[in-house]
Every structure is written in C-alpha cells, then in structure tokens.
Amino acid sequence: MITNTDMLYTRMKQFQDKRKAVMDEYEKRLEWLEDKKGSPFYEKETQQAKNKRDEALQELQGEYRGYLNIAMEAMTKASGRRTIEPPTEEDLRIIQALKMRDTIGEAELTMIANSVKGSLLCLDIVQEVARKNGILKSYSGLYEGKKLSPEFLKEKLDFLGDSLNDFILYDTSRAARIGAEFVERHHGYTKDERELAKRPLFENKEDFFKQFAWISGDTLEGFLDAVDTQ
C-alpha cells in the first residue's frame, strides 16, 4: 500500500525530472543559437524557445501543485489521528505526587519535567502546573518519546508545505535568489544578468525530506510514522 509520504515523494520526483527535461531542452536550444546572437533569427528563435519553456512549466506547475495539496492535506489529517504514547506507571506516580503540591519552584519542576520527558501527556501536566505557579518556561521541548510532539509536527508540516510551494515555483534555491537580490541592491546587477544556482537534485526519499523539511534519521522515522498513519 502506498503511503502519504510515498505519494508526495513520487509526485515531487516526477515534477523535478519533468522540469529538468524542459529546462535541459531550453538550454540546449539556446546553446545551439549562441553563434547566431545579434541576428533577427536569434531574437525570434530565442523568444519562441522561452515561450515554449514557460508554457510547459506553467502546465507542470498547475498539475503538480494539485498533487502537492492532496498529499499535504492527507498528511495533516493523518498527523491529527495518531495516538499518543501512554505514560509509564512510574511517570503516573510522579505526576500524581506533583498534582498534590500547592506550590513548587522552577528548579524542582524542571527536575520533574526531565524525569517524565518520555511522555507528552505528563509534560502537558507539568506545563499546566508551571502556568499556575507563574513559571514562564516551556517544557514541550524536553520531550524524548518515540512519537513527535503535535507542535513539532505542525511546524514541520508548515515548513514542508512552504518549501515545496517554493520548489514548484522556482528552479533555483531560495538562498540563491536572496543572494541575488542582495547583490542587486548593493552592486546594481539585475537577477537576469547573473545565472542563479539551481536546486540540488534529490535522488531518494531521505534526501527529499532532508532538503525540504530539514529532518533525517530518527526524527524522519518519527515524522513518517505520524503523517502516514491511516
């Protein structure tokens, strides 16, 4: 059975390869026309090549943006249906003792949070106790369970969606465009006068998520588990 992330990766890999084919054809045509530069024939053929490229890219963008939206919606829904790991008996004993306290200091609460950092549910209770005691500190970042926190998942899904929307719109990296804009502001060059670095091509699913979500290893495994849940 194909998973949500398999579907996303497959579609984005198709888009990458098809766009590369369009750009390779366009660049090969310009290379062939290079020795005719300055002639009316060159101007006419160059414009036709650009028009053909732009039409092909717009068609690809429209088709694969639809696939992207479907995959991201499925992943978001799946992440909301996943189950949370139950706390251990030891975690529950610690939390029960904590709930009997009227007041508690930040140092002791932090120590308790570190002892139950394998349970999101327990950390949520610690966070509520912190709020009641006027302790302005976030404890969700301590979580070390196998399942990723809802906050982390939302952050990564939002980042992935933004990254892939940029990927569909541009063949160059965001960093390259920002750099070109800086040079244009400070040195007077225009983006059209400078060739921007192309995006690195990804060849497998791991590279894909490392490039567009900045996750790998155990974090990637936890992410896939969350967004592929049926």
C-alpha atoms as a PDB file:
ATOM      1  CA  MET A   1       0.000   0.000   0.000  1.00  0.00           C
ATOM      2  CA  ILE A   2       1.371   3.414  -0.958  1.00  0.00           C
ATOM      3  CA  THR A   3       1.737   5.791   1.978  1.00  0.00           C
ATOM      4  CA  ASN A   4       1.088   9.518   2.100  1.00  0.00           C
ATOM      5  CA  THR A   5       4.792  10.304   2.063  1.00  0.00           C
ATOM      6  CA  ASP A   6       5.445   7.812  -0.748  1.00  0.00           C
ATOM      7  CA  MET A   7       2.792   9.603  -2.794  1.00  0.00           C
ATOM      8  CA  LEU A   8       4.286  13.016  -2.031  1.00  0.00           C
ATOM      9  CA  TYR A   9       7.831  11.931  -2.797  1.00  0.00           C
ATOM     10  CA  THR A  10       6.850  10.154  -6.030  1.00  0.00           C
ATOM     11  CA  ARG A  11       4.912  13.152  -7.357  1.00  0.00           C
ATOM     12  CA  MET A  12       7.603  15.676  -6.456  1.00  0.00           C
ATOM     13  CA  LYS A  13      10.286  13.455  -8.017  1.00  0.00           C
ATOM     14  CA  GLN A  14       8.197  13.303 -11.206  1.00  0.00           C
ATOM     15  CA  PHE A  15       7.903  17.081 -11.190  1.00  0.00           C
ATOM     16  CA  GLN A  16      11.627  17.535 -10.636  1.00  0.00           C
ATOM     17  CA  ASP A  17      12.530  15.198 -13.503  1.00  0.00           C
ATOM     18  CA  LYS A  18       9.982  16.675 -15.917  1.00  0.00           C
ATOM     19  CA  ARG A  19      11.050  20.224 -15.125  1.00  0.00           C
ATOM     20  CA  LYS A  20      14.685  19.280 -15.643  1.00  0.00           C
ATOM     21  CA  ALA A  21      13.806  17.870 -19.061  1.00  0.00           C
ATOM     22  CA  VAL A  22      12.054  21.130 -20.003  1.00  0.00           C
ATOM     23  CA  MET A  23      14.983  23.235 -18.816  1.00  0.00           C
ATOM     24  CA  ASP A  24      17.571  20.977 -20.493  1.00  0.00           C
ATOM     25  CA  GLU A  25      15.759  21.299 -23.824  1.00  0.00           C
ATOM     26  CA  TYR A  26      15.550  25.077 -23.450  1.00  0.00           C
ATOM     27  CA  GLU A  27      19.221  25.445 -22.544  1.00  0.00           C
ATOM     28  CA  LYS A  28      20.299  23.151 -25.371  1.00  0.00           C
ATOM     29  CA  ARG A  29      18.321  25.316 -27.807  1.00  0.00           C
ATOM     30  CA  LEU A  30      19.981  28.496 -26.520  1.00  0.00           C
ATOM     31  CA  GLU A  31      23.392  26.863 -26.824  1.00  0.00           C
ATOM     32  CA  TRP A  32      22.655  25.955 -30.453  1.00  0.00           C
ATOM     33  CA  LEU A  33      21.596  29.559 -31.136  1.00  0.00           C
ATOM     34  CA  GLU A  34      24.646  31.110 -29.447  1.00  0.00           C
ATOM     35  CA  ASP A  35      26.673  31.673 -32.626  1.00  0.00           C
ATOM     36  CA  LYS A  36      23.672  33.415 -34.225  1.00  0.00           C
ATOM     37  CA  LYS A  37      23.416  36.052 -31.493  1.00  0.00           C
ATOM     38  CA  GLY A  38      22.656  39.542 -32.820  1.00  0.00           C
ATOM     39  CA  SER A  39      20.624  38.361 -35.800  1.00  0.00           C
ATOM     40  CA  PRO A  40      16.830  38.653 -36.230  1.00  0.00           C
ATOM     41  CA  PHE A  41      16.739  34.856 -36.435  1.00  0.00           C
ATOM     42  CA  TYR A  42      18.356  34.620 -32.994  1.00  0.00           C
ATOM     43  CA  GLU A  43      15.859  37.026 -31.438  1.00  0.00           C
ATOM     44  CA  LYS A  44      12.891  35.220 -32.961  1.00  0.00           C
ATOM     45  CA  GLU A  45      14.044  31.702 -32.066  1.00  0.00           C
ATOM     46  CA  THR A  46      15.112  32.704 -28.548  1.00  0.00           C
ATOM     47  CA  GLN A  47      11.708  34.191 -27.817  1.00  0.00           C
ATOM     48  CA  GLN A  48       9.965  31.103 -29.194  1.00  0.00           C
ATOM     49  CA  ALA A  49      12.149  28.879 -27.001  1.00  0.00           C
ATOM     50  CA  LYS A  50      11.289  30.972 -23.932  1.00  0.00           C
ATOM     51  CA  ASN A  51       7.587  30.847 -24.720  1.00  0.00           C
ATOM     52  CA  LYS A  52       7.704  27.073 -25.155  1.00  0.00           C
ATOM     53  CA  ARG A  53       9.585  26.702 -21.873  1.00  0.00           C
ATOM     54  CA  ASP A  54       7.198  28.940 -19.938  1.00  0.00           C
ATOM     55  CA  GLU A  55       4.098  27.196 -21.274  1.00  0.00           C
ATOM     56  CA  ALA A  56       5.489  23.779 -20.351  1.00  0.00           C
ATOM     57  CA  LEU A  57       6.466  24.956 -16.868  1.00  0.00           C
ATOM     58  CA  GLN A  58       3.081  26.532 -16.195  1.00  0.00           C
ATOM     59  CA  GLU A  59       1.346  23.306 -17.190  1.00  0.00           C
ATOM     60  CA  LEU A  60       3.604  21.266 -14.900  1.00  0.00           C
ATOM     61  CA  GLN A  61       3.168  23.706 -12.020  1.00  0.00           C
ATOM     62  CA  GLY A  62      -0.610  23.590 -12.249  1.00  0.00           C
ATOM     63  CA  GLU A  63      -0.718  19.792 -12.358  1.00  0.00           C
ATOM     64  CA  TYR A  64       1.762  19.109  -9.567  1.00  0.00           C
ATOM     65  CA  ARG A  65       0.565  21.849  -7.247  1.00  0.00           C
ATOM     66  CA  GLY A  66      -2.696  19.899  -7.195  1.00  0.00           C
ATOM     67  CA  TYR A  67      -0.853  16.703  -6.263  1.00  0.00           C
ATOM     68  CA  LEU A  68       1.065  18.603  -3.560  1.00  0.00           C
ATOM     69  CA  ASN A  69      -2.129  19.958  -1.986  1.00  0.00           C
ATOM     70  CA  ILE A  70      -3.721  16.499  -1.901  1.00  0.00           C
ATOM     71  CA  ALA A  71      -0.662  14.905  -0.278  1.00  0.00           C
ATOM     72  CA  MET A  72      -0.203  17.666   2.302  1.00  0.00           C
ATOM     73  CA  GLU A  73      -3.875  17.521   3.286  1.00  0.00           C
ATOM     74  CA  ALA A  74      -3.654  13.732   3.747  1.00  0.00           C
ATOM     75  CA  MET A  75      -0.500  14.052   5.854  1.00  0.00           C
ATOM     76  CA  THR A  76      -2.019  16.772   8.040  1.00  0.00           C
ATOM     77  CA  LYS A  77      -5.149  14.706   8.666  1.00  0.00           C
ATOM     78  CA  ALA A  78      -3.069  11.628   9.478  1.00  0.00           C
ATOM     79  CA  SER A  79      -0.952  13.522  11.995  1.00  0.00           C
ATOM     80  CA  GLY A  80      -4.107  14.584  13.809  1.00  0.00           C
ATOM     81  CA  ARG A  81      -5.367  10.971  14.105  1.00  0.00           C
ATOM     82  CA  ARG A  82      -2.238   9.449  15.587  1.00  0.00           C
ATOM     83  CA  THR A  83      -2.318   8.080  19.125  1.00  0.00           C
ATOM     84  CA  ILE A  84      -0.207   9.409  21.976  1.00  0.00           C
ATOM     85  CA  GLU A  85       2.057   7.031  23.901  1.00  0.00           C
ATOM     86  CA  PRO A  86       0.600   6.261  27.339  1.00  0.00           C
ATOM     87  CA  PRO A  87       2.758   7.264  30.329  1.00  0.00           C
ATOM     88  CA  THR A  88       4.530   4.582  32.344  1.00  0.00           C
ATOM     89  CA  GLU A  89       3.412   3.676  35.876  1.00  0.00           C
ATOM     90  CA  GLU A  90       6.445   5.499  37.264  1.00  0.00           C
ATOM     91  CA  ASP A  91       5.543   8.614  35.262  1.00  0.00           C
ATOM     92  CA  LEU A  92       1.999   8.463  36.636  1.00  0.00           C
ATOM     93  CA  ARG A  93       3.240   8.199  40.228  1.00  0.00           C
ATOM     94  CA  ILE A  94       5.439  11.259  39.743  1.00  0.00           C
ATOM     95  CA  ILE A  95       2.591  13.251  38.194  1.00  0.00           C
ATOM     96  CA  GLN A  96       0.130  12.228  40.902  1.00  0.00           C
ATOM     97  CA  ALA A  97       2.577  13.457  43.556  1.00  0.00           C
ATOM     98  CA  LEU A  98       3.074  16.681  41.608  1.00  0.00           C
ATOM     99  CA  LYS A  99      -0.670  17.371  41.428  1.00  0.00           C
ATOM    100  CA  MET A 100      -0.877  17.184  45.241  1.00  0.00           C
ATOM    101  CA  ARG A 101       1.552  20.090  45.606  1.00  0.00           C
ATOM    102  CA  ASP A 102       0.144  23.567  46.230  1.00  0.00           C
ATOM    103  CA  THR A 103       3.304  25.373  45.201  1.00  0.00           C
ATOM    104  CA  ILE A 104       6.556  24.396  43.513  1.00  0.00           C
ATOM    105  CA  GLY A 105       9.697  26.176  42.370  1.00  0.00           C
ATOM    106  CA  GLU A 106      11.108  26.265  38.862  1.00  0.00           C
ATOM    107  CA  ALA A 107      14.205  24.194  39.655  1.00  0.00           C
ATOM    108  CA  GLU A 108      12.197  21.335  41.161  1.00  0.00           C
ATOM    109  CA  LEU A 109       9.585  21.472  38.414  1.00  0.00           C
ATOM    110  CA  THR A 110      12.308  21.298  35.774  1.00  0.00           C
ATOM    111  CA  MET A 111      13.759  18.243  37.516  1.00  0.00           C
ATOM    112  CA  ILE A 112      10.306  16.598  37.474  1.00  0.00           C
ATOM    113  CA  ALA A 113       9.817  17.506  33.797  1.00  0.00           C
ATOM    114  CA  ASN A 114      13.125  15.835  32.920  1.00  0.00           C
ATOM    115  CA  SER A 115      12.046  12.664  34.727  1.00  0.00           C
ATOM    116  CA  VAL A 116       8.842  12.356  32.659  1.00  0.00           C
ATOM    117  CA  LYS A 117      10.150  13.611  29.311  1.00  0.00           C
ATOM    118  CA  GLY A 118       9.213  10.360  27.598  1.00  0.00           C
ATOM    119  CA  SER A 119       5.506  11.234  27.911  1.00  0.00           C
ATOM    120  CA  LEU A 120       3.790  14.125  26.147  1.00  0.00           C
ATOM    121  CA  LEU A 121       0.759  13.783  28.401  1.00  0.00           C
ATOM    122  CA  CYS A 122       2.872  14.156  31.538  1.00  0.00           C
ATOM    123  CA  LEU A 123       4.770  17.127  30.109  1.00  0.00           C
ATOM    124  CA  ASP A 124       1.426  18.796  29.370  1.00  0.00           C
ATOM    125  CA  ILE A 125       0.512  18.448  33.050  1.00  0.00           C
ATOM    126  CA  VAL A 126       3.903  19.823  34.071  1.00  0.00           C
ATOM    127  CA  GLN A 127       3.275  22.777  31.764  1.00  0.00           C
ATOM    128  CA  GLU A 128      -0.109  23.422  33.387  1.00  0.00           C
ATOM    129  CA  VAL A 129       1.447  23.311  36.887  1.00  0.00           C
ATOM    130  CA  ALA A 130       4.127  25.741  35.693  1.00  0.00           C
ATOM    131  CA  ARG A 131       1.461  28.142  34.464  1.00  0.00           C
ATOM    132  CA  LYS A 132      -0.430  28.005  37.755  1.00  0.00           C
ATOM    133  CA  ASN A 133       2.779  28.769  39.646  1.00  0.00           C
ATOM    134  CA  GLY A 134       3.700  31.685  37.416  1.00  0.00           C
ATOM    135  CA  ILE A 135       6.659  29.882  35.866  1.00  0.00           C
ATOM    136  CA  LEU A 136       7.188  31.191  32.334  1.00  0.00           C
ATOM    137  CA  LYS A 137       9.010  28.263  30.803  1.00  0.00           C
ATOM    138  CA  SER A 138       8.144  25.828  28.028  1.00  0.00           C
ATOM    139  CA  TYR A 139       8.650  22.133  28.781  1.00  0.00           C
ATOM    140  CA  SER A 140       7.453  20.616  25.491  1.00  0.00           C
ATOM    141  CA  GLY A 141      10.986  20.825  24.059  1.00  0.00           C
ATOM    142  CA  LEU A 142      12.156  18.260  26.615  1.00  0.00           C
ATOM    143  CA  TYR A 143      10.063  15.514  25.007  1.00  0.00           C
ATOM    144  CA  GLU A 144      12.132  12.448  24.057  1.00  0.00           C
ATOM    145  CA  GLY A 145       9.456   9.858  23.317  1.00  0.00           C
ATOM    146  CA  LYS A 146       9.249   7.916  20.080  1.00  0.00           C
ATOM    147  CA  LYS A 147       6.303   9.934  18.822  1.00  0.00           C
ATOM    148  CA  LEU A 148       6.926  13.538  17.831  1.00  0.00           C
ATOM    149  CA  SER A 149       5.031  16.279  19.607  1.00  0.00           C
ATOM    150  CA  PRO A 150       1.983  17.840  17.882  1.00  0.00           C
ATOM    151  CA  GLU A 151       3.713  21.233  17.948  1.00  0.00           C
ATOM    152  CA  PHE A 152       6.806  19.860  16.224  1.00  0.00           C
ATOM    153  CA  LEU A 153       4.723  18.041  13.617  1.00  0.00           C
ATOM    154  CA  LYS A 154       2.731  21.160  12.781  1.00  0.00           C
ATOM    155  CA  GLU A 155       5.908  23.196  12.494  1.00  0.00           C
ATOM    156  CA  LYS A 156       7.500  20.664  10.138  1.00  0.00           C
ATOM    157  CA  LEU A 157       4.361  20.226   8.030  1.00  0.00           C
ATOM    158  CA  ASP A 158       4.068  24.004   7.626  1.00  0.00           C
ATOM    159  CA  PHE A 159       7.750  24.257   6.726  1.00  0.00           C
ATOM    160  CA  LEU A 160       7.495  21.356   4.265  1.00  0.00           C
ATOM    161  CA  GLY A 161       4.463  22.895   2.572  1.00  0.00           C
ATOM    162  CA  ASP A 162       6.175  26.276   2.209  1.00  0.00           C
ATOM    163  CA  SER A 163       9.377  24.679   0.917  1.00  0.00           C
ATOM    164  CA  LEU A 164       7.560  22.629  -1.712  1.00  0.00           C
ATOM    165  CA  ASN A 165       5.456  25.566  -2.892  1.00  0.00           C
ATOM    166  CA  ASP A 166       8.729  27.418  -3.467  1.00  0.00           C
ATOM    167  CA  PHE A 167      10.148  24.316  -5.176  1.00  0.00           C
ATOM    168  CA  ILE A 168       7.242  24.206  -7.623  1.00  0.00           C
ATOM    169  CA  LEU A 169       7.539  27.901  -8.456  1.00  0.00           C
ATOM    170  CA  TYR A 170      11.313  28.124  -8.885  1.00  0.00           C
ATOM    171  CA  ASP A 171      14.082  26.003 -10.367  1.00  0.00           C
ATOM    172  CA  THR A 172      16.599  27.888  -8.212  1.00  0.00           C
ATOM    173  CA  SER A 173      17.061  27.749  -4.464  1.00  0.00           C
ATOM    174  CA  ARG A 174      15.579  30.402  -2.193  1.00  0.00           C
ATOM    175  CA  ALA A 175      19.060  31.134  -0.834  1.00  0.00           C
ATOM    176  CA  ALA A 176      20.348  31.820  -4.357  1.00  0.00           C
ATOM    177  CA  ARG A 177      17.509  34.252  -5.055  1.00  0.00           C
ATOM    178  CA  ILE A 178      18.000  36.067  -1.743  1.00  0.00           C
ATOM    179  CA  GLY A 179      21.716  36.353  -2.516  1.00  0.00           C
ATOM    180  CA  ALA A 180      20.994  37.734  -5.980  1.00  0.00           C
ATOM    181  CA  GLU A 181      18.580  40.299  -4.540  1.00  0.00           C
ATOM    182  CA  PHE A 182      21.269  41.414  -2.072  1.00  0.00           C
ATOM    183  CA  VAL A 183      23.809  41.833  -4.884  1.00  0.00           C
ATOM    184  CA  GLU A 184      21.257  43.738  -6.954  1.00  0.00           C
ATOM    185  CA  ARG A 185      20.542  46.156  -4.091  1.00  0.00           C
ATOM    186  CA  HIS A 186      24.188  46.771  -3.223  1.00  0.00           C
ATOM    187  CA  HIS A 187      26.044  46.364  -6.531  1.00  0.00           C
ATOM    188  CA  GLY A 188      23.499  47.175  -9.210  1.00  0.00           C
ATOM    189  CA  TYR A 189      23.359  43.837 -11.030  1.00  0.00           C
ATOM    190  CA  THR A 190      19.963  42.515 -12.006  1.00  0.00           C
ATOM    191  CA  LYS A 191      18.892  38.907 -11.460  1.00  0.00           C
ATOM    192  CA  ASP A 192      18.622  38.447 -15.257  1.00  0.00           C
ATOM    193  CA  GLU A 193      22.300  39.331 -15.679  1.00  0.00           C
ATOM    194  CA  ARG A 194      23.515  36.672 -13.228  1.00  0.00           C
ATOM    195  CA  GLU A 195      22.888  32.950 -13.503  1.00  0.00           C
ATOM    196  CA  LEU A 196      21.384  31.665 -10.264  1.00  0.00           C
ATOM    197  CA  ALA A 197      22.413  28.355  -8.739  1.00  0.00           C
ATOM    198  CA  LYS A 198      19.965  25.572  -9.460  1.00  0.00           C
ATOM    199  CA  ARG A 199      18.435  23.454  -6.739  1.00  0.00           C
ATOM    200  CA  PRO A 200      20.329  20.260  -5.920  1.00  0.00           C
ATOM    201  CA  LEU A 201      18.518  17.245  -7.339  1.00  0.00           C
ATOM    202  CA  PHE A 202      17.243  14.679  -4.841  1.00  0.00           C
ATOM    203  CA  GLU A 203      17.530  11.012  -5.717  1.00  0.00           C
ATOM    204  CA  ASN A 204      15.733   9.257  -2.858  1.00  0.00           C
ATOM    205  CA  LYS A 205      13.111   9.800  -0.199  1.00  0.00           C
ATOM    206  CA  GLU A 206      15.627  10.507   2.562  1.00  0.00           C
ATOM    207  CA  ASP A 207      17.338  13.237   0.532  1.00  0.00           C
ATOM    208  CA  PHE A 208      13.935  14.699  -0.321  1.00  0.00           C
ATOM    209  CA  PHE A 209      12.853  15.170   3.300  1.00  0.00           C
ATOM    210  CA  LYS A 210      16.303  16.344   4.352  1.00  0.00           C
ATOM    211  CA  GLN A 211      16.211  19.062   1.691  1.00  0.00           C
ATOM    212  CA  PHE A 212      12.623  20.247   2.084  1.00  0.00           C
ATOM    213  CA  ALA A 213      11.774  19.557   5.747  1.00  0.00           C
ATOM    214  CA  TRP A 214      15.273  19.581   7.278  1.00  0.00           C
ATOM    215  CA  ILE A 215      14.681  16.260   9.013  1.00  0.00           C
ATOM    216  CA  SER A 216      16.594  12.972   8.881  1.00  0.00           C
ATOM    217  CA  GLY A 217      17.457   9.880  10.896  1.00  0.00           C
ATOM    218  CA  ASP A 218      15.269   9.067  13.889  1.00  0.00           C
ATOM    219  CA  THR A 219      13.360  12.327  13.519  1.00  0.00           C
ATOM    220  CA  LEU A 220      12.431  11.396   9.968  1.00  0.00           C
ATOM    221  CA  GLU A 221      11.237   7.966  11.123  1.00  0.00           C
ATOM    222  CA  GLY A 222       9.025   9.594  13.747  1.00  0.00           C
ATOM    223  CA  PHE A 223       7.697  12.074  11.201  1.00  0.00           C
ATOM    224  CA  LEU A 224       6.842   9.365   8.671  1.00  0.00           C
ATOM    225  CA  ASP A 225       5.124   7.319  11.367  1.00  0.00           C
ATOM    226  CA  ALA A 226       2.949  10.289  12.289  1.00  0.00           C
ATOM    227  CA  VAL A 227       1.921  11.508   8.815  1.00  0.00           C
ATOM    228  CA  ASP A 228       1.477   8.061   7.262  1.00  0.00           C
ATOM    229  CA  THR A 229      -0.942   6.880   9.975  1.00  0.00           C
ATOM    230  CA  GLN A 230      -4.170   5.595   8.419  1.00  0.00           C
END
